[in-house]
Amino acid sequence: MQKKLTRLLMLFIVLISFSSCSIIEGIFKAGVGVGIFIVVAVLAILIFIISKIFGRK
C-alpha cells in the first residue's frame, strides 16, 4: 500500500511539474513578444525625435 501511494504521489508531482513548465513557457513567449514590441516602439520614437531635430536645419 505504501509503495503504491508513493508511486501515485510521484506521478502527481511529475504531472504538476509538466503543466507548470508549459505555463512558464507561455509567459516567457508572451514576454518576448512584448519586449520586441517595446524595443521597436522606442526605436521608432528615437528616429522620430532625431528626424525632427535634424530636419529643422
PDB file of N, CA and C in Angstrom:
ATOM      1  N   MET A   1       0.820  -1.201   0.000  1.00  0.00           N
ATOM      2  CA  MET A   1       0.000   0.000   0.000  1.00  0.00           C
ATOM      3  C   MET A   1       0.863   1.264   0.000  1.00  0.00           C
ATOM      4  N   GLN A   2       1.895   1.247   0.824  1.00  0.00           N
ATOM      5  CA  GLN A   2       2.798   2.401   0.923  1.00  0.00           C
ATOM      6  C   GLN A   2       3.511   2.638  -0.403  1.00  0.00           C
ATOM      7  N   LYS A   3       3.930   1.559  -1.057  1.00  0.00           N
ATOM      8  CA  LYS A   3       4.640   1.667  -2.327  1.00  0.00           C
ATOM      9  C   LYS A   3       3.724   2.244  -3.419  1.00  0.00           C
ATOM     10  N   LYS A   4       2.484   1.814  -3.422  1.00  0.00           N
ATOM     11  CA  LYS A   4       1.512   2.298  -4.399  1.00  0.00           C
ATOM     12  C   LYS A   4       1.233   3.786  -4.189  1.00  0.00           C
ATOM     13  N   LEU A   5       1.106   4.165  -2.931  1.00  0.00           N
ATOM     14  CA  LEU A   5       0.866   5.571  -2.603  1.00  0.00           C
ATOM     15  C   LEU A   5       2.050   6.441  -3.019  1.00  0.00           C
ATOM     16  N   THR A   6       3.247   5.948  -2.809  1.00  0.00           N
ATOM     17  CA  THR A   6       4.460   6.675  -3.200  1.00  0.00           C
ATOM     18  C   THR A   6       4.510   6.856  -4.715  1.00  0.00           C
ATOM     19  N   ARG A   7       4.179   5.824  -5.445  1.00  0.00           N
ATOM     20  CA  ARG A   7       4.181   5.919  -6.912  1.00  0.00           C
ATOM     21  C   ARG A   7       3.137   6.926  -7.405  1.00  0.00           C
ATOM     22  N   LEU A   8       1.954   6.893  -6.809  1.00  0.00           N
ATOM     23  CA  LEU A   8       0.922   7.853  -7.206  1.00  0.00           C
ATOM     24  C   LEU A   8       1.341   9.288  -6.887  1.00  0.00           C
ATOM     25  N   LEU A   9       1.979   9.464  -5.747  1.00  0.00           N
ATOM     26  CA  LEU A   9       2.464  10.789  -5.370  1.00  0.00           C
ATOM     27  C   LEU A   9       3.527  11.280  -6.342  1.00  0.00           C
ATOM     28  N   MET A  10       4.437  10.422  -6.725  1.00  0.00           N
ATOM     29  CA  MET A  10       5.486  10.790  -7.692  1.00  0.00           C
ATOM     30  C   MET A  10       4.872  11.130  -9.056  1.00  0.00           C
ATOM     31  N   LEU A  11       3.891  10.364  -9.489  1.00  0.00           N
ATOM     32  CA  LEU A  11       3.223  10.646 -10.749  1.00  0.00           C
ATOM     33  C   LEU A  11       2.524  11.994 -10.702  1.00  0.00           C
ATOM     34  N   PHE A  12       1.873  12.275  -9.590  1.00  0.00           N
ATOM     35  CA  PHE A  12       1.193  13.558  -9.407  1.00  0.00           C
ATOM     36  C   PHE A  12       2.180  14.723  -9.467  1.00  0.00           C
ATOM     37  N   ILE A  13       3.328  14.572  -8.829  1.00  0.00           N
ATOM     38  CA  ILE A  13       4.357  15.615  -8.832  1.00  0.00           C
ATOM     39  C   ILE A  13       4.884  15.842 -10.251  1.00  0.00           C
ATOM     40  N   VAL A  14       5.105  14.768 -10.987  1.00  0.00           N
ATOM     41  CA  VAL A  14       5.592  14.896 -12.369  1.00  0.00           C
ATOM     42  C   VAL A  14       4.559  15.612 -13.237  1.00  0.00           C
ATOM     43  N   LEU A  15       3.286  15.265 -13.087  1.00  0.00           N
ATOM     44  CA  LEU A  15       2.239  15.907 -13.881  1.00  0.00           C
ATOM     45  C   LEU A  15       2.131  17.395 -13.560  1.00  0.00           C
ATOM     46  N   ILE A  16       2.244  17.750 -12.297  1.00  0.00           N
ATOM     47  CA  ILE A  16       2.193  19.167 -11.908  1.00  0.00           C
ATOM     48  C   ILE A  16       3.397  19.910 -12.476  1.00  0.00           C
ATOM     49  N   SER A  17       4.562  19.279 -12.453  1.00  0.00           N
ATOM     50  CA  SER A  17       5.782  19.914 -12.965  1.00  0.00           C
ATOM     51  C   SER A  17       5.650  20.212 -14.460  1.00  0.00           C
ATOM     52  N   PHE A  18       5.128  19.258 -15.218  1.00  0.00           N
ATOM     53  CA  PHE A  18       5.000  19.483 -16.657  1.00  0.00           C
ATOM     54  C   PHE A  18       4.010  20.593 -16.968  1.00  0.00           C
ATOM     55  N   SER A  19       2.913  20.660 -16.265  1.00  0.00           N
ATOM     56  CA  SER A  19       1.947  21.713 -16.542  1.00  0.00           C
ATOM     57  C   SER A  19       2.509  23.071 -16.119  1.00  0.00           C
ATOM     58  N   SER A  20       3.279  23.109 -15.047  1.00  0.00           N
ATOM     59  CA  SER A  20       3.899  24.359 -14.611  1.00  0.00           C
ATOM     60  C   SER A  20       4.905  24.838 -15.642  1.00  0.00           C
ATOM     61  N   CYS A  21       5.664  23.919 -16.191  1.00  0.00           N
ATOM     62  CA  CYS A  21       6.649  24.299 -17.194  1.00  0.00           C
ATOM     63  C   CYS A  21       5.975  24.890 -18.432  1.00  0.00           C
ATOM     64  N   SER A  22       4.864  24.321 -18.850  1.00  0.00           N
ATOM     65  CA  SER A  22       4.187  24.844 -20.033  1.00  0.00           C
ATOM     66  C   SER A  22       3.592  26.227 -19.757  1.00  0.00           C
ATOM     67  N   ILE A  23       3.131  26.448 -18.523  1.00  0.00           N
ATOM     68  CA  ILE A  23       2.615  27.775 -18.163  1.00  0.00           C
ATOM     69  C   ILE A  23       3.739  28.793 -18.187  1.00  0.00           C
ATOM     70  N   ILE A  24       4.886  28.444 -17.600  1.00  0.00           N
ATOM     71  CA  ILE A  24       6.042  29.350 -17.589  1.00  0.00           C
ATOM     72  C   ILE A  24       6.512  29.618 -19.012  1.00  0.00           C
ATOM     73  N   GLU A  25       6.487  28.605 -19.857  1.00  0.00           N
ATOM     74  CA  GLU A  25       6.897  28.774 -21.252  1.00  0.00           C
ATOM     75  C   GLU A  25       5.989  29.777 -21.958  1.00  0.00           C
ATOM     76  N   GLY A  26       4.690  29.680 -21.716  1.00  0.00           N
ATOM     77  CA  GLY A  26       3.747  30.628 -22.318  1.00  0.00           C
ATOM     78  C   GLY A  26       3.987  32.046 -21.847  1.00  0.00           C
ATOM     79  N   ILE A  27       4.291  32.205 -20.563  1.00  0.00           N
ATOM     80  CA  ILE A  27       4.567  33.541 -20.025  1.00  0.00           C
ATOM     81  C   ILE A  27       5.817  34.120 -20.678  1.00  0.00           C
ATOM     82  N   PHE A  28       6.874  33.313 -20.816  1.00  0.00           N
ATOM     83  CA  PHE A  28       8.096  33.817 -21.425  1.00  0.00           C
ATOM     84  C   PHE A  28       7.911  34.146 -22.898  1.00  0.00           C
ATOM     85  N   LYS A  29       7.122  33.346 -23.612  1.00  0.00           N
ATOM     86  CA  LYS A  29       6.860  33.654 -25.021  1.00  0.00           C
ATOM     87  C   LYS A  29       6.119  34.980 -25.156  1.00  0.00           C
ATOM     88  N   ALA A  30       5.143  35.205 -24.286  1.00  0.00           N
ATOM     89  CA  ALA A  30       4.416  36.474 -24.300  1.00  0.00           C
ATOM     90  C   ALA A  30       5.358  37.615 -23.932  1.00  0.00           C
ATOM     91  N   GLY A  31       6.242  37.378 -22.981  1.00  0.00           N
ATOM     92  CA  GLY A  31       7.205  38.397 -22.566  1.00  0.00           C
ATOM     93  C   GLY A  31       8.148  38.783 -23.684  1.00  0.00           C
ATOM     94  N   VAL A  32       8.577  37.808 -24.464  1.00  0.00           N
ATOM     95  CA  VAL A  32       9.462  38.084 -25.591  1.00  0.00           C
ATOM     96  C   VAL A  32       8.734  38.942 -26.622  1.00  0.00           C
ATOM     97  N   GLY A  33       7.482  38.622 -26.895  1.00  0.00           N
ATOM     98  CA  GLY A  33       6.701  39.412 -27.856  1.00  0.00           C
ATOM     99  C   GLY A  33       6.514  40.839 -27.405  1.00  0.00           C
ATOM    100  N   VAL A  34       6.190  41.020 -26.137  1.00  0.00           N
ATOM    101  CA  VAL A  34       6.012  42.372 -25.596  1.00  0.00           C
ATOM    102  C   VAL A  34       7.340  43.116 -25.600  1.00  0.00           C
ATOM    103  N   GLY A  35       8.422  42.433 -25.260  1.00  0.00           N
ATOM    104  CA  GLY A  35       9.748  43.055 -25.262  1.00  0.00           C
ATOM    105  C   GLY A  35      10.154  43.537 -26.645  1.00  0.00           C
ATOM    106  N   ILE A  36       9.909  42.734 -27.651  1.00  0.00           N
ATOM    107  CA  ILE A  36      10.229  43.134 -29.024  1.00  0.00           C
ATOM    108  C   ILE A  36       9.384  44.328 -29.429  1.00  0.00           C
ATOM    109  N   PHE A  37       8.109  44.324 -29.077  1.00  0.00           N
ATOM    110  CA  PHE A  37       7.237  45.458 -29.395  1.00  0.00           C
ATOM    111  C   PHE A  37       7.742  46.738 -28.743  1.00  0.00           C
ATOM    112  N   ILE A  38       8.157  46.670 -27.480  1.00  0.00           N
ATOM    113  CA  ILE A  38       8.644  47.857 -26.776  1.00  0.00           C
ATOM    114  C   ILE A  38       9.927  48.369 -27.409  1.00  0.00           C
ATOM    115  N   VAL A  39      10.835  47.486 -27.774  1.00  0.00           N
ATOM    116  CA  VAL A  39      12.085  47.902 -28.416  1.00  0.00           C
ATOM    117  C   VAL A  39      11.796  48.588 -29.746  1.00  0.00           C
ATOM    118  N   VAL A  40      10.910  48.038 -30.547  1.00  0.00           N
ATOM    119  CA  VAL A  40      10.565  48.650 -31.830  1.00  0.00           C
ATOM    120  C   VAL A  40       9.907  50.014 -31.615  1.00  0.00           C
ATOM    121  N   ALA A  41       9.033  50.127 -30.621  1.00  0.00           N
ATOM    122  CA  ALA A  41       8.374  51.400 -30.337  1.00  0.00           C
ATOM    123  C   ALA A  41       9.382  52.454 -29.886  1.00  0.00           C
ATOM    124  N   VAL A  42      10.315  52.085 -29.030  1.00  0.00           N
ATOM    125  CA  VAL A  42      11.332  53.036 -28.565  1.00  0.00           C
ATOM    126  C   VAL A  42      12.222  53.469 -29.718  1.00  0.00           C
ATOM    127  N   LEU A  43      12.619  52.548 -30.576  1.00  0.00           N
ATOM    128  CA  LEU A  43      13.433  52.909 -31.737  1.00  0.00           C
ATOM    129  C   LEU A  43      12.674  53.848 -32.676  1.00  0.00           C
ATOM    130  N   ALA A  44      11.391  53.601 -32.878  1.00  0.00           N
ATOM    131  CA  ALA A  44      10.592  54.478 -33.736  1.00  0.00           C
ATOM    132  C   ALA A  44      10.502  55.882 -33.142  1.00  0.00           C
ATOM    133  N   ILE A  45      10.320  55.977 -31.832  1.00  0.00           N
ATOM    134  CA  ILE A  45      10.258  57.288 -31.178  1.00  0.00           C
ATOM    135  C   ILE A  45      11.598  58.013 -31.294  1.00  0.00           C
ATOM    136  N   LEU A  46      12.705  57.288 -31.091  1.00  0.00           N
ATOM    137  CA  LEU A  46      14.027  57.909 -31.215  1.00  0.00           C
ATOM    138  C   LEU A  46      14.284  58.404 -32.634  1.00  0.00           C
ATOM    139  N   ILE A  47      13.926  57.610 -33.621  1.00  0.00           N
ATOM    140  CA  ILE A  47      14.110  58.029 -35.019  1.00  0.00           C
ATOM    141  C   ILE A  47      13.251  59.245 -35.316  1.00  0.00           C
ATOM    142  N   PHE A  48      12.030  59.275 -34.797  1.00  0.00           N
ATOM    143  CA  PHE A  48      11.145  60.417 -34.991  1.00  0.00           C
ATOM    144  C   PHE A  48      11.756  61.686 -34.375  1.00  0.00           C
ATOM    145  N   ILE A  49      12.255  61.569 -33.155  1.00  0.00           N
ATOM    146  CA  ILE A  49      12.851  62.729 -32.474  1.00  0.00           C
ATOM    147  C   ILE A  49      14.102  63.204 -33.208  1.00  0.00           C
ATOM    148  N   ILE A  50      14.952  62.287 -33.613  1.00  0.00           N
ATOM    149  CA  ILE A  50      16.175  62.667 -34.332  1.00  0.00           C
ATOM    150  C   ILE A  50      15.836  63.317 -35.664  1.00  0.00           C
ATOM    151  N   SER A  51      14.835  62.807 -36.367  1.00  0.00           N
ATOM    152  CA  SER A  51      14.464  63.406 -37.650  1.00  0.00           C
ATOM    153  C   SER A  51      13.890  64.811 -37.453  1.00  0.00           C
ATOM    154  N   LYS A  52      13.182  65.042 -36.353  1.00  0.00           N
ATOM    155  CA  LYS A  52      12.654  66.384 -36.070  1.00  0.00           C
ATOM    156  C   LYS A  52      13.781  67.359 -35.717  1.00  0.00           C
ATOM    157  N   ILE A  53      14.773  66.882 -34.964  1.00  0.00           N
ATOM    158  CA  ILE A  53      15.887  67.759 -34.573  1.00  0.00           C
ATOM    159  C   ILE A  53      16.714  68.137 -35.798  1.00  0.00           C
ATOM    160  N   PHE A  54      17.102  67.167 -36.603  1.00  0.00           N
ATOM    161  CA  PHE A  54      17.947  67.446 -37.753  1.00  0.00           C
ATOM    162  C   PHE A  54      17.166  67.919 -38.980  1.00  0.00           C
ATOM    163  N   GLY A  55      15.881  67.791 -38.972  1.00  0.00           N
ATOM    164  CA  GLY A  55      15.055  68.236 -40.105  1.00  0.00           C
ATOM    165  C   GLY A  55      14.809  69.729 -40.090  1.00  0.00           C
ATOM    166  N   ARG A  56      15.029  70.419 -38.986  1.00  0.00           N
ATOM    167  CA  ARG A  56      14.755  71.845 -38.879  1.00  0.00           C
ATOM    168  C   ARG A  56      15.850  72.690 -39.535  1.00  0.00           C
ATOM    169  N   LYS A  57      17.011  72.153 -39.755  1.00  0.00           N
ATOM    170  CA  LYS A  57      18.118  72.933 -40.327  1.00  0.00           C
ATOM    171  C   LYS A  57      17.936  73.204 -41.792  1.00  0.00           C
TER     172      LYS A  57
END
